[in-house]
N, C-alpha and C. Protein backbone atom coordinates (compact mmCIF):
# COMPACT_ATOMS: atom_id res chain seq x y z
N MET A 1 45.68 -2.57 80.74
CA MET A 1 44.99 -3.00 81.97
C MET A 1 45.48 -4.37 82.37
N LYS A 2 45.84 -4.53 83.62
CA LYS A 2 46.25 -5.84 84.12
C LYS A 2 45.04 -6.71 84.31
N THR A 3 45.24 -8.03 84.11
CA THR A 3 44.07 -8.95 84.23
C THR A 3 43.51 -8.96 85.63
N ALA A 4 44.31 -8.68 86.64
CA ALA A 4 43.79 -8.64 88.00
C ALA A 4 42.81 -7.49 88.21
N GLU A 5 42.89 -6.47 87.40
CA GLU A 5 42.02 -5.30 87.49
C GLU A 5 40.73 -5.47 86.71
N LEU A 6 40.57 -6.54 85.98
CA LEU A 6 39.37 -6.75 85.15
C LEU A 6 38.21 -7.20 86.00
N ASP A 7 37.00 -6.99 85.48
CA ASP A 7 35.77 -7.39 86.15
C ASP A 7 35.40 -8.77 85.54
N TRP A 8 35.74 -9.83 86.28
CA TRP A 8 35.54 -11.20 85.78
C TRP A 8 34.15 -11.71 86.08
N PHE A 9 33.59 -12.48 85.11
CA PHE A 9 32.26 -13.09 85.29
C PHE A 9 32.42 -14.60 85.12
N LYS A 10 31.82 -15.35 86.02
CA LYS A 10 31.88 -16.81 85.98
C LYS A 10 30.94 -17.33 84.87
N SER A 11 31.40 -18.28 84.14
CA SER A 11 30.60 -18.87 83.08
C SER A 11 29.39 -19.57 83.66
N SER A 12 28.27 -19.46 82.96
CA SER A 12 27.06 -20.13 83.39
C SER A 12 27.19 -21.65 83.24
N TYR A 13 28.21 -22.13 82.52
CA TYR A 13 28.42 -23.55 82.36
C TYR A 13 29.33 -24.12 83.44
N SER A 14 29.88 -23.28 84.32
CA SER A 14 30.71 -23.76 85.42
C SER A 14 29.82 -24.46 86.43
N SER A 15 30.39 -25.43 87.11
CA SER A 15 29.59 -26.19 88.08
C SER A 15 29.22 -25.35 89.30
N ALA A 16 28.18 -25.72 89.99
CA ALA A 16 27.74 -25.00 91.17
C ALA A 16 28.74 -25.09 92.32
N GLN A 17 29.55 -26.16 92.34
CA GLN A 17 30.55 -26.32 93.39
C GLN A 17 31.77 -25.39 93.19
N GLY A 18 31.90 -24.82 92.02
CA GLY A 18 32.97 -23.89 91.74
C GLY A 18 34.27 -24.57 91.35
N ASP A 19 34.26 -25.88 91.14
CA ASP A 19 35.49 -26.58 90.78
C ASP A 19 35.77 -26.59 89.29
N ASP A 20 34.81 -26.29 88.47
CA ASP A 20 34.99 -26.19 87.00
C ASP A 20 34.64 -24.80 86.58
N CYS A 21 35.59 -23.91 86.75
CA CYS A 21 35.26 -22.50 86.60
C CYS A 21 36.01 -21.82 85.45
N VAL A 22 35.27 -21.36 84.49
CA VAL A 22 35.84 -20.51 83.42
C VAL A 22 35.25 -19.13 83.63
N GLU A 23 36.12 -18.14 83.62
CA GLU A 23 35.68 -16.78 83.84
C GLU A 23 36.03 -15.94 82.61
N VAL A 24 35.20 -14.93 82.35
CA VAL A 24 35.34 -14.06 81.18
C VAL A 24 35.29 -12.60 81.65
N ALA A 25 36.18 -11.78 81.05
CA ALA A 25 36.16 -10.34 81.29
C ALA A 25 36.13 -9.64 79.96
N VAL A 26 35.35 -8.60 79.84
CA VAL A 26 35.18 -7.87 78.56
C VAL A 26 35.77 -6.47 78.68
N THR A 27 36.60 -6.13 77.70
CA THR A 27 37.11 -4.74 77.62
C THR A 27 36.77 -4.23 76.23
N GLU A 28 37.05 -2.97 75.96
CA GLU A 28 36.79 -2.41 74.63
C GLU A 28 37.62 -3.11 73.57
N GLN A 29 38.83 -3.55 73.91
CA GLN A 29 39.74 -4.13 72.92
C GLN A 29 39.63 -5.64 72.81
N ALA A 30 39.23 -6.36 73.88
CA ALA A 30 39.36 -7.81 73.87
C ALA A 30 38.40 -8.47 74.82
N ILE A 31 38.24 -9.79 74.60
CA ILE A 31 37.55 -10.67 75.56
C ILE A 31 38.64 -11.50 76.19
N HIS A 32 38.66 -11.54 77.53
CA HIS A 32 39.67 -12.26 78.28
C HIS A 32 38.99 -13.51 78.86
N VAL A 33 39.66 -14.63 78.72
CA VAL A 33 39.13 -15.92 79.25
C VAL A 33 40.17 -16.49 80.20
N TRP A 34 39.69 -17.00 81.35
CA TRP A 34 40.60 -17.49 82.39
C TRP A 34 40.05 -18.71 83.02
N ASP A 35 40.90 -19.73 83.22
CA ASP A 35 40.55 -20.96 83.95
C ASP A 35 40.96 -20.74 85.38
N SER A 36 40.01 -20.35 86.26
CA SER A 36 40.35 -19.97 87.62
C SER A 36 40.69 -21.13 88.51
N LYS A 37 40.53 -22.37 88.05
CA LYS A 37 40.96 -23.48 88.85
C LYS A 37 42.45 -23.76 88.73
N ASN A 38 43.09 -23.10 87.76
CA ASN A 38 44.53 -23.20 87.56
C ASN A 38 45.11 -21.78 87.48
N VAL A 39 45.35 -21.20 88.64
CA VAL A 39 45.74 -19.77 88.69
C VAL A 39 47.16 -19.52 88.22
N THR A 40 47.92 -20.56 87.92
CA THR A 40 49.29 -20.38 87.43
C THR A 40 49.29 -20.05 85.94
N ARG A 41 48.23 -20.33 85.24
CA ARG A 41 48.14 -20.05 83.81
C ARG A 41 47.64 -18.62 83.57
N PRO A 42 48.17 -17.95 82.57
CA PRO A 42 47.67 -16.62 82.25
C PRO A 42 46.32 -16.69 81.55
N SER A 43 45.64 -15.58 81.50
CA SER A 43 44.39 -15.52 80.76
C SER A 43 44.68 -15.45 79.26
N LEU A 44 43.67 -15.79 78.49
CA LEU A 44 43.75 -15.69 77.05
C LEU A 44 42.95 -14.47 76.61
N ALA A 45 43.56 -13.61 75.80
CA ALA A 45 42.87 -12.43 75.30
C ALA A 45 42.60 -12.59 73.83
N VAL A 46 41.37 -12.40 73.42
CA VAL A 46 40.94 -12.54 72.02
C VAL A 46 40.26 -11.25 71.60
N GLY A 47 40.61 -10.79 70.42
CA GLY A 47 39.95 -9.58 69.89
C GLY A 47 38.42 -9.78 69.79
N ARG A 48 37.70 -8.69 69.86
CA ARG A 48 36.24 -8.79 69.83
C ARG A 48 35.73 -9.44 68.55
N ASP A 49 36.32 -9.13 67.39
CA ASP A 49 35.87 -9.75 66.16
C ASP A 49 36.16 -11.26 66.17
N GLY A 50 37.30 -11.64 66.63
CA GLY A 50 37.67 -13.06 66.71
C GLY A 50 36.75 -13.80 67.67
N TRP A 51 36.39 -13.16 68.79
CA TRP A 51 35.48 -13.79 69.76
C TRP A 51 34.11 -13.98 69.13
N GLY A 52 33.66 -12.99 68.39
CA GLY A 52 32.37 -13.11 67.71
C GLY A 52 32.34 -14.28 66.74
N ARG A 53 33.40 -14.41 65.95
CA ARG A 53 33.47 -15.55 65.01
C ARG A 53 33.51 -16.88 65.77
N PHE A 54 34.22 -16.93 66.89
CA PHE A 54 34.27 -18.17 67.68
C PHE A 54 32.90 -18.51 68.22
N VAL A 55 32.19 -17.55 68.79
CA VAL A 55 30.86 -17.84 69.35
C VAL A 55 29.91 -18.27 68.24
N THR A 56 29.95 -17.63 67.09
CA THR A 56 29.11 -18.02 65.97
C THR A 56 29.40 -19.47 65.53
N PHE A 57 30.67 -19.81 65.46
CA PHE A 57 31.09 -21.17 65.09
C PHE A 57 30.56 -22.18 66.08
N VAL A 58 30.75 -21.93 67.37
CA VAL A 58 30.32 -22.85 68.41
C VAL A 58 28.79 -23.00 68.37
N ALA A 59 28.08 -21.94 68.13
CA ALA A 59 26.61 -22.03 68.10
C ALA A 59 26.12 -22.88 66.94
N GLU A 60 26.91 -22.96 65.87
CA GLU A 60 26.51 -23.74 64.70
C GLU A 60 26.88 -25.19 64.81
N VAL A 61 27.73 -25.56 65.75
CA VAL A 61 28.20 -26.96 65.84
C VAL A 61 27.15 -27.80 66.54
């Protein structure tokens, strides 16, 4: 699946003005993360297990 075809969700931590925007898309295989203020960069795809470990780590910090 191409990243343009994904259903992207804006992070709740992004500013209301839309200038600090991180978007996330979820598929069966991966979590995709994209910085929409810099459209020249590709999205980052992380496996679901890896994403779960990352979220757990961040929650503990």
